[in-house]
């Protein structure tokens, strides 16, 4: 009884704290982040392995990025238009999650379709990943509507920290189960089970999103017409703040995405990494990100998102030379996977702040009128890049000879392009500081 008496006031205080609106927002966004990250971690770890297990070629590995992003590109504008005309910005994200959750059950069943397995792989890959891309685009607008300006950095940092923690556990679990299986078909069964779990978690995520209070829009949206899209573009690019953000974002994404498919090829073909190594790699890099996200949150509060973004880009620049060193003849075949993993720690620690920075930069630069449509138009451009650039990276590697020499040339080009992005981000920081807008939370 004395123990209960000791804890009773603490529990009462905890309940009172969690009744506060900000704490409830943290809790629900934390749960939403956990469920979302599980599915995304399985995707990031498993999609290329799933394709390879089904018999995909290097070119088809490149299409793993292209196909779903082309589908997302087709649907992006309609989603933005619909979202701006609904009473609440929550409706479209919930619909995207519902569709995504259902599609995971079909995606996990692809190996059952025999000769059609590769074709259906791309069909349901497209439906699951495209839904995630659409959700992420509309989530930014929804987040801006339901989160007070002063709480955005704190809520994003809390959500990101929890997501990175799940990013540690999920690939470790999936990789361990796959490594324990002997045949390719058994490994596919493991991935299928994880995709089914993703389906359940994404549907639960939709329920979590519905628990977040979302204000109704008081202003009536204009009737849609092609002229409205043109007006939204003029409103967006009429703002010098959005123009500068647009250049920064597109240059960053394009130089980041160039090696998305090549990274898997380098890991498996040149660093000799197995499923077990890949799962450890994901876990180690996520641990590095968990350790750093709090530092980024404080850095943003003290120095701004623009200053923090400089270090994000430095992390992406360091990734390529560290990977080259790990794959080089300096290391034996047995040591290369561990050298690759070790070399990814520092870049991953620096990279983790990109979403924390870009979401707040977006909300600080996008005009409030037709914001969902503007975000959709911007995301269409980044999605186009995501659909094309990773495949171009693989094609460039193939054109250079598909060998170790080609890897050296490819990564040299990659490093040079990322330096260009770094210079642009540094320029943006100094210009924004001169204008006194480093800590602006919304456009003027």
Protein backbone atom coordinates (compact mmCIF):
# COMPACT_ATOMS: atom_id res chain seq x y z
CA UNK A 1 0.00 0.00 0.00
CA UNK A 2 2.88 2.37 0.79
CA UNK A 3 4.24 1.78 -2.69
CA UNK A 4 0.85 2.65 -4.20
CA UNK A 5 0.65 5.76 -2.02
CA UNK A 6 4.07 6.78 -3.31
CA UNK A 7 3.17 6.41 -6.98
CA UNK A 8 -0.42 7.67 -6.84
CA UNK A 9 0.42 11.41 -6.87
CA UNK A 10 2.99 10.84 -9.60
CA UNK A 11 0.43 9.07 -11.77
CA UNK A 12 -2.08 11.83 -11.06
CA UNK A 13 0.48 14.42 -12.11
CA UNK A 14 1.27 12.45 -15.26
CA UNK A 15 -2.42 12.30 -16.20
CA UNK A 16 -2.75 16.03 -15.63
CA UNK A 17 0.28 16.69 -17.80
CA UNK A 18 -0.98 14.47 -20.61
CA UNK A 19 -4.32 16.32 -20.52
CA UNK A 20 -2.57 19.46 -21.76
CA UNK A 21 -3.18 20.09 -25.50
CA UNK A 22 0.54 20.23 -26.38
CA UNK A 23 1.28 16.95 -24.58
CA UNK A 24 -1.65 15.25 -26.29
CA UNK A 25 -0.35 16.51 -29.62
CA UNK A 26 3.11 15.13 -28.82
CA UNK A 27 1.64 11.77 -27.81
CA UNK A 28 -0.57 11.30 -30.87
CA UNK A 29 2.08 12.49 -33.33
CA UNK A 30 4.52 10.17 -31.54
CA UNK A 31 2.20 7.19 -32.05
CA UNK A 32 1.58 8.23 -35.65
CA UNK A 33 5.34 8.47 -36.21
CA UNK A 34 5.98 5.01 -34.75
CA UNK A 35 3.39 3.36 -37.00
CA UNK A 36 4.54 5.31 -40.07
CA UNK A 37 8.23 4.61 -39.48
CA UNK A 38 7.70 0.86 -39.12
CA UNK A 39 6.23 0.66 -42.62
CA UNK A 40 8.85 2.99 -44.09
CA UNK A 41 11.69 1.07 -42.44
CA UNK A 42 10.41 -2.19 -43.90
CA UNK A 43 10.15 -0.48 -47.30
CA UNK A 44 13.64 0.98 -47.13
CA UNK A 45 15.17 -2.27 -45.96
CA UNK A 46 13.06 -4.74 -47.87
CA UNK A 47 11.85 -3.38 -51.22
CA UNK A 48 15.10 -3.88 -53.13
CA UNK A 49 15.65 -7.26 -51.45
CA UNK A 50 12.08 -8.23 -52.32
CA UNK A 51 12.67 -7.26 -55.95
CA UNK A 52 16.00 -9.10 -56.05
CA UNK A 53 14.37 -12.21 -54.55
CA UNK A 54 11.73 -12.08 -57.28
CA UNK A 55 14.48 -12.00 -59.95
CA UNK A 56 14.90 -8.27 -60.67
CA UNK A 57 17.77 -7.00 -62.84
CA UNK A 58 19.89 -3.89 -62.05
CA UNK A 59 17.64 -1.80 -64.29
CA UNK A 60 14.55 -3.11 -62.52
CA UNK A 61 16.18 -2.19 -59.21
CA UNK A 62 16.36 1.36 -60.57
CA UNK A 63 12.65 1.15 -61.43
CA UNK A 64 11.84 0.41 -57.78
CA UNK A 65 12.14 4.18 -57.29
CA UNK A 66 10.73 5.21 -60.65
CA UNK A 67 7.43 3.33 -60.87
CA UNK A 68 5.78 4.40 -57.58
CA UNK A 69 6.92 7.98 -57.97
CA UNK A 70 5.45 8.25 -61.47
CA UNK A 71 2.14 7.05 -60.03
CA UNK A 72 2.43 9.54 -57.16
CA UNK A 73 3.18 12.26 -59.68
CA UNK A 74 -0.05 11.51 -61.58
CA UNK A 75 -2.12 11.67 -58.39
CA UNK A 76 -0.35 14.53 -56.60
CA UNK A 77 -2.19 17.46 -58.16
CA UNK A 78 -5.70 15.95 -57.81
CA UNK A 79 -4.96 15.22 -54.15
CA UNK A 80 -3.83 18.80 -53.54
CA UNK A 81 -6.90 20.22 -55.30
CA UNK A 82 -9.27 17.96 -53.35
CA UNK A 83 -7.53 18.69 -50.05
CA UNK A 84 -7.91 22.45 -50.47
CA UNK A 85 -11.67 22.01 -51.01
CA UNK A 86 -12.47 19.79 -48.04
CA UNK A 87 -13.53 21.12 -44.66
CA UNK A 88 -10.49 19.64 -42.93
CA UNK A 89 -6.92 19.06 -44.14
CA UNK A 90 -6.97 15.73 -42.28
CA UNK A 91 -9.30 13.94 -44.71
CA UNK A 92 -6.88 13.28 -47.57
CA UNK A 93 -4.03 11.98 -45.33
CA UNK A 94 -6.47 9.54 -43.68
CA UNK A 95 -7.67 8.36 -47.11
CA UNK A 96 -4.06 7.85 -48.28
CA UNK A 97 -3.28 5.76 -45.20
CA UNK A 98 -6.39 3.63 -45.65
CA UNK A 99 -5.53 2.84 -49.27
CA UNK A 100 -1.89 2.20 -48.38
CA UNK A 101 -2.79 -0.20 -45.58
CA UNK A 102 -5.05 -2.26 -47.85
CA UNK A 103 -2.46 -2.35 -50.64
CA UNK A 104 0.20 -3.80 -48.32
CA UNK A 105 -1.81 -7.02 -48.08
CA UNK A 106 -1.74 -7.35 -51.89
CA UNK A 107 1.95 -6.38 -52.02
CA UNK A 108 2.84 -9.11 -49.54
CA UNK A 109 0.98 -11.67 -51.68
CA UNK A 110 2.92 -10.98 -54.91
CA UNK A 111 5.05 -14.21 -54.82
CA UNK A 112 1.83 -16.25 -55.02
CA UNK A 113 1.18 -15.12 -58.61
CA UNK A 114 3.84 -17.18 -60.40
CA UNK A 115 4.89 -15.74 -63.76
CA UNK A 116 3.02 -12.51 -63.04
CA UNK A 117 4.93 -11.89 -59.81
CA UNK A 118 7.34 -9.27 -61.21
CA UNK A 119 4.62 -7.29 -62.97
CA UNK A 120 2.35 -7.32 -59.92
CA UNK A 121 5.32 -6.42 -57.74
CA UNK A 122 5.55 -3.08 -59.54
CA UNK A 123 1.75 -2.59 -59.50
CA UNK A 124 1.42 -2.96 -55.73
CA UNK A 125 4.80 -1.37 -55.01
CA UNK A 126 3.41 1.63 -56.87
CA UNK A 127 0.21 1.67 -54.82
CA UNK A 128 1.94 1.39 -51.42
CA UNK A 129 4.84 3.79 -51.99
CA UNK A 130 2.78 6.29 -54.02
CA UNK A 131 0.25 6.43 -51.18
CA UNK A 132 3.11 7.14 -48.77
CA UNK A 133 4.43 9.95 -50.99
CA UNK A 134 0.96 11.50 -51.24
CA UNK A 135 0.45 11.13 -47.49
CA UNK A 136 3.77 12.80 -46.73
CA UNK A 137 2.93 15.75 -48.98
CA UNK A 138 -0.49 16.30 -47.43
CA UNK A 139 0.81 15.61 -43.92
CA UNK A 140 2.94 18.77 -44.12
CA UNK A 141 -0.13 20.92 -44.75
CA UNK A 142 -2.10 19.06 -42.05
CA UNK A 143 0.79 19.49 -39.59
CA UNK A 144 0.86 23.22 -40.27
CA UNK A 145 -2.89 23.48 -39.60
CA UNK A 146 -2.97 21.56 -36.29
CA UNK A 147 0.32 22.61 -34.68
CA UNK A 148 0.85 26.10 -33.21
CA UNK A 149 3.84 27.87 -34.75
CA UNK A 150 5.82 27.89 -31.52
CA UNK A 151 5.41 24.12 -31.04
CA UNK A 152 6.41 22.96 -34.53
CA UNK A 153 10.10 22.41 -33.87
CA UNK A 154 9.47 20.59 -30.59
CA UNK A 155 6.76 18.30 -31.98
CA UNK A 156 8.81 17.52 -35.11
CA UNK A 157 11.90 16.76 -33.02
CA UNK A 158 9.93 14.47 -30.68
CA UNK A 159 8.31 12.65 -33.58
CA UNK A 160 11.64 12.29 -35.40
CA UNK A 161 13.40 10.94 -32.32
CA UNK A 162 10.80 8.21 -31.85
CA UNK A 163 10.82 7.40 -35.56
CA UNK A 164 14.58 6.92 -35.55
CA UNK A 165 14.24 4.55 -32.57
CA UNK A 166 11.78 2.41 -34.53
CA UNK A 167 14.15 2.69 -37.48
CA UNK A 168 16.78 0.93 -35.35
CA UNK A 169 14.61 -2.00 -34.27
CA UNK A 170 12.64 -2.75 -37.44
CA UNK A 171 15.47 -3.57 -39.88
CA UNK A 172 17.30 -5.51 -37.15
CA UNK A 173 14.25 -7.71 -36.62
CA UNK A 174 13.58 -8.16 -40.32
CA UNK A 175 17.24 -8.81 -41.14
CA UNK A 176 17.64 -11.29 -38.30
CA UNK A 177 14.61 -13.30 -39.38
CA UNK A 178 15.76 -13.26 -43.01
CA UNK A 179 19.30 -14.30 -42.09
CA UNK A 180 17.90 -17.28 -40.16
CA UNK A 181 16.24 -18.59 -43.32
CA UNK A 182 18.23 -20.70 -45.75
CA UNK A 183 16.48 -20.44 -49.13
CA UNK A 184 15.39 -17.46 -51.22
CA UNK A 185 11.74 -18.51 -50.96
CA UNK A 186 11.96 -18.66 -47.16
CA UNK A 187 13.46 -15.18 -47.09
CA UNK A 188 10.58 -13.93 -49.22
CA UNK A 189 8.12 -15.40 -46.71
CA UNK A 190 9.75 -13.31 -43.96
CA UNK A 191 9.36 -10.15 -46.04
CA UNK A 192 5.75 -11.03 -46.83
CA UNK A 193 4.90 -11.33 -43.13
CA UNK A 194 6.49 -7.95 -42.45
CA UNK A 195 4.50 -6.37 -45.28
CA UNK A 196 1.29 -7.78 -43.81
CA UNK A 197 2.22 -6.24 -40.45
CA UNK A 198 2.81 -2.96 -42.28
CA UNK A 199 -0.75 -3.12 -43.57
CA UNK A 200 -2.14 -3.47 -40.05
CA UNK A 201 0.07 -0.68 -38.66
CA UNK A 202 -0.80 1.77 -41.44
CA UNK A 203 -4.52 1.26 -40.83
CA UNK A 204 -3.92 1.93 -37.14
CA UNK A 205 -2.02 5.05 -38.16
CA UNK A 206 -5.10 6.30 -39.97
CA UNK A 207 -7.07 5.90 -36.74
CA UNK A 208 -4.37 7.82 -34.82
CA UNK A 209 -4.51 10.71 -37.29
CA UNK A 210 -8.27 10.94 -36.80
CA UNK A 211 -7.69 11.58 -33.08
CA UNK A 212 -5.79 14.82 -33.74
CA UNK A 213 -8.14 17.84 -33.48
CA UNK A 214 -8.21 19.57 -36.86
CA UNK A 215 -9.90 22.97 -37.32
CA UNK A 216 -12.49 23.40 -40.03
CA UNK A 217 -11.66 25.83 -42.79
CA UNK A 218 -13.72 28.97 -42.56
CA UNK A 219 -12.85 30.38 -45.98
CA UNK A 220 -14.45 28.83 -49.03
CA UNK A 221 -12.01 27.52 -51.63
CA UNK A 222 -12.22 28.83 -55.15
CA UNK A 223 -13.84 26.63 -57.72
CA UNK A 224 -11.18 24.59 -59.45
CA UNK A 225 -10.04 25.51 -62.92
CA UNK A 226 -6.74 25.25 -64.79
CA UNK A 227 -6.39 28.98 -64.15
CA UNK A 228 -6.34 28.26 -60.40
CA UNK A 229 -3.22 26.12 -60.81
CA UNK A 230 -1.61 28.96 -62.71
CA UNK A 231 -2.64 31.41 -60.01
CA UNK A 232 -1.21 29.15 -57.28
CA UNK A 233 2.09 29.01 -59.19
CA UNK A 234 2.11 32.79 -59.56
CA UNK A 235 1.35 33.25 -55.87
CA UNK A 236 4.11 30.83 -54.91
CA UNK A 237 6.80 32.07 -57.27
CA UNK A 238 5.75 35.67 -56.75
CA UNK A 239 7.24 35.27 -53.28
CA UNK A 240 11.02 35.54 -53.28
CA UNK A 241 11.05 33.44 -50.11
CA UNK A 242 9.34 30.52 -51.83
CA UNK A 243 11.48 30.87 -54.97
CA UNK A 244 14.63 30.54 -52.91
CA UNK A 245 13.25 27.61 -50.92
CA UNK A 246 12.19 25.91 -54.15
CA UNK A 247 15.72 26.11 -55.62
CA UNK A 248 17.23 24.86 -52.36
CA UNK A 249 14.80 21.97 -52.03
CA UNK A 250 14.99 20.77 -55.63
CA UNK A 251 18.78 20.96 -55.77
CA UNK A 252 19.05 19.13 -52.46
CA UNK A 253 16.64 16.35 -53.44
CA UNK A 254 18.11 15.82 -56.91
CA UNK A 255 21.69 15.47 -55.64
CA UNK A 256 20.49 13.28 -52.77
CA UNK A 257 18.40 10.96 -54.94
CA UNK A 258 21.07 10.30 -57.56
CA UNK A 259 22.57 7.37 -55.65
CA UNK A 260 19.43 5.90 -54.06
CA UNK A 261 19.45 2.80 -56.27
CA UNK A 262 23.22 2.85 -56.69
CA UNK A 263 23.63 2.71 -52.92
CA UNK A 264 22.00 -0.73 -52.83
CA UNK A 265 24.13 -1.92 -55.75
CA UNK A 266 27.29 -0.71 -54.01
CA UNK A 267 26.28 -2.34 -50.72
CA UNK A 268 25.54 -5.75 -52.22
CA UNK A 269 27.93 -5.99 -55.17
CA UNK A 270 30.99 -4.06 -53.97
CA UNK A 271 30.79 -4.14 -50.16
CA UNK A 272 29.64 -7.82 -50.05
CA UNK A 273 26.75 -7.08 -47.67
CA UNK A 274 24.14 -9.72 -46.82
CA UNK A 275 20.65 -9.23 -45.39
CA UNK A 276 22.18 -9.39 -41.91
CA UNK A 277 24.73 -6.71 -42.75
CA UNK A 278 22.03 -4.50 -44.27
CA UNK A 279 19.87 -4.75 -41.16
CA UNK A 280 22.83 -3.90 -38.90
CA UNK A 281 23.67 -1.01 -41.22
CA UNK A 282 20.16 0.41 -40.89
CA UNK A 283 20.19 -0.04 -37.12
CA UNK A 284 23.61 1.56 -36.61
CA UNK A 285 22.78 4.57 -38.77
CA UNK A 286 19.44 5.03 -36.99
CA UNK A 287 21.21 4.96 -33.62
CA UNK A 288 23.52 7.70 -34.88
CA UNK A 289 20.47 9.69 -35.97
CA UNK A 290 18.67 9.23 -32.64
CA UNK A 291 21.76 10.55 -30.89
CA UNK A 292 21.90 13.62 -33.14
CA UNK A 293 18.29 14.71 -33.65
CA UNK A 294 18.19 16.50 -30.28
CA UNK A 295 21.33 18.40 -31.23
CA UNK A 296 19.64 19.51 -34.45
CA UNK A 297 16.52 20.61 -32.56
CA UNK A 298 18.61 22.84 -30.27
CA UNK A 299 20.71 24.07 -33.19
CA UNK A 300 17.56 25.10 -35.06
CA UNK A 301 16.28 27.00 -32.02
CA UNK A 302 19.56 28.87 -31.56
CA UNK A 303 20.88 29.25 -35.12
CA UNK A 304 17.86 28.57 -37.42
CA UNK A 305 16.83 25.79 -39.82
CA UNK A 306 18.94 27.40 -42.56
CA UNK A 307 22.13 27.11 -40.53
CA UNK A 308 21.31 23.52 -39.53
CA UNK A 309 20.67 22.59 -43.16
CA UNK A 310 24.32 23.36 -43.98
CA UNK A 311 25.43 20.47 -41.76
CA UNK A 312 22.81 18.17 -43.30
CA UNK A 313 24.34 18.74 -46.73
CA UNK A 314 27.87 18.21 -45.38
CA UNK A 315 26.68 14.80 -44.16
CA UNK A 316 25.48 13.87 -47.64
CA UNK A 317 28.79 14.97 -49.15
CA UNK A 318 30.78 12.82 -46.69
CA UNK A 319 28.71 9.70 -47.42
CA UNK A 320 30.21 9.04 -50.87
CA UNK A 321 33.96 9.23 -50.03
CA UNK A 322 33.46 7.15 -46.88
CA UNK A 323 31.66 4.50 -48.96
CA UNK A 324 34.40 4.53 -51.60
CA UNK A 325 37.03 4.00 -48.92
CA UNK A 326 35.09 1.05 -47.47
CA UNK A 327 34.71 -0.62 -50.89
CA UNK A 328 38.35 -0.07 -51.90
CA UNK A 329 41.06 -2.76 -52.02
CA UNK A 330 42.35 -1.44 -48.68
CA UNK A 331 39.87 -3.80 -47.01
CA UNK A 332 39.47 -7.54 -47.44
CA UNK A 333 36.23 -9.01 -48.72
CA UNK A 334 35.24 -10.01 -45.16
CA UNK A 335 36.05 -6.57 -43.73
CA UNK A 336 34.30 -4.47 -46.39
CA UNK A 337 30.75 -4.77 -44.96
CA UNK A 338 31.91 -3.61 -41.53
CA UNK A 339 34.01 -0.80 -43.01
CA UNK A 340 30.96 0.31 -45.01
CA UNK A 341 28.81 0.31 -41.86
CA UNK A 342 31.42 2.22 -39.84
CA UNK A 343 31.85 4.75 -42.64
CA UNK A 344 28.12 5.50 -42.67
CA UNK A 345 27.90 6.54 -39.01
CA UNK A 346 29.10 10.15 -39.23
CA UNK A 347 27.25 10.97 -42.49
CA UNK A 348 24.04 9.46 -41.11
CA UNK A 349 24.35 11.45 -37.89
CA UNK A 350 24.60 14.66 -39.91
CA UNK A 351 21.90 13.76 -42.45
CA UNK A 352 19.15 13.14 -39.90
CA UNK A 353 18.05 16.77 -39.65
CA UNK A 354 16.93 17.17 -43.26
CA UNK A 355 13.19 16.66 -42.67
CA UNK A 356 13.25 18.74 -39.49
CA UNK A 357 14.72 21.59 -41.54
CA UNK A 358 12.86 21.29 -44.85
CA UNK A 359 9.34 21.05 -43.38
CA UNK A 360 9.86 24.23 -41.37
CA UNK A 361 11.52 25.98 -44.31
CA UNK A 362 8.51 25.03 -46.44
CA UNK A 363 5.97 26.35 -43.93
CA UNK A 364 7.97 29.57 -43.55
CA UNK A 365 8.00 30.24 -47.29
CA UNK A 366 4.79 28.86 -48.85
CA UNK A 367 1.92 31.41 -49.12
CA UNK A 368 -1.03 30.47 -46.89
CA UNK A 369 -3.61 30.76 -49.68
CA UNK A 370 -3.93 27.44 -51.57
CA UNK A 371 -1.03 26.11 -49.47
CA UNK A 372 -2.03 22.48 -49.95
CA UNK A 373 -2.05 22.96 -53.73
CA UNK A 374 1.31 24.77 -53.63
CA UNK A 375 2.86 22.00 -51.52
CA UNK A 376 1.43 19.45 -53.96
CA UNK A 377 2.96 21.29 -56.93
CA UNK A 378 6.33 21.45 -55.17
CA UNK A 379 6.10 17.77 -54.22
CA UNK A 380 5.26 16.93 -57.84
CA UNK A 381 8.63 18.34 -58.84
CA UNK A 382 10.52 16.44 -56.12
CA UNK A 383 8.56 13.30 -56.99
CA UNK A 384 9.46 13.70 -60.67
CA UNK A 385 13.07 13.92 -59.59
CA UNK A 386 12.63 10.83 -57.42
CA UNK A 387 11.09 8.94 -60.33
CA UNK A 388 13.85 9.84 -62.77
CA UNK A 389 17.08 10.64 -60.95
CA UNK A 390 17.78 7.26 -59.21
CA UNK A 391 17.25 5.46 -62.52
CA UNK A 392 19.53 8.00 -64.24
CA UNK A 393 22.11 7.20 -61.58
CA UNK A 394 22.00 3.51 -62.46
CA UNK A 395 22.09 4.30 -66.19
CA UNK A 396 25.10 6.58 -65.66
CA UNK A 397 26.88 3.82 -63.77
CA UNK A 398 26.06 1.37 -66.58
CA UNK A 399 27.28 3.81 -69.24
CA UNK A 400 30.54 4.25 -67.31
CA UNK A 401 31.20 0.50 -67.48
CA UNK A 402 29.33 -1.18 -64.58
CA UNK A 403 32.59 -1.93 -62.76
CA UNK A 404 34.76 -0.57 -59.94
CA UNK A 405 36.08 2.18 -62.20
CA UNK A 406 32.50 3.20 -62.93
CA UNK A 407 31.78 3.40 -59.20
CA UNK A 408 34.77 5.74 -58.72
CA UNK A 409 33.65 8.01 -61.57
CA UNK A 410 30.01 7.96 -60.47
CA UNK A 411 30.77 8.93 -56.87
CA UNK A 412 33.17 11.67 -58.02
CA UNK A 413 30.34 13.23 -60.05
CA UNK A 414 28.00 12.81 -57.08
CA UNK A 415 30.36 14.59 -54.67
CA UNK A 416 30.80 17.51 -57.11
CA UNK A 417 27.03 17.95 -57.49
CA UNK A 418 26.47 17.87 -53.74
CA UNK A 419 29.11 20.57 -53.29
CA UNK A 420 27.01 22.77 -55.58
CA UNK A 421 23.99 22.15 -53.35
CA UNK A 422 26.06 23.00 -50.26
CA UNK A 423 27.18 26.32 -51.73
CA UNK A 424 23.56 27.22 -52.52
CA UNK A 425 22.43 26.41 -48.97
CA UNK A 426 25.22 28.54 -47.48
CA UNK A 427 24.16 31.41 -49.75
CA UNK A 428 20.53 31.02 -48.62
CA UNK A 429 21.56 31.20 -44.97
CA UNK A 430 23.45 34.48 -45.40
CA UNK A 431 20.69 36.07 -47.50
CA UNK A 432 17.97 35.06 -45.03
CA UNK A 433 20.04 36.32 -42.09
CA UNK A 434 20.55 39.66 -43.83
CA UNK A 435 16.76 39.99 -44.21
CA UNK A 436 16.20 39.18 -40.53
CA UNK A 437 14.01 36.15 -41.37
CA UNK A 438 16.07 33.27 -39.94
CA UNK A 439 13.38 32.50 -37.38
CA UNK A 440 10.29 33.40 -39.40
CA UNK A 441 7.60 30.71 -39.05
CA UNK A 442 5.28 31.87 -41.83
CA UNK A 443 5.73 34.04 -44.96
CA UNK A 444 5.15 37.76 -44.62
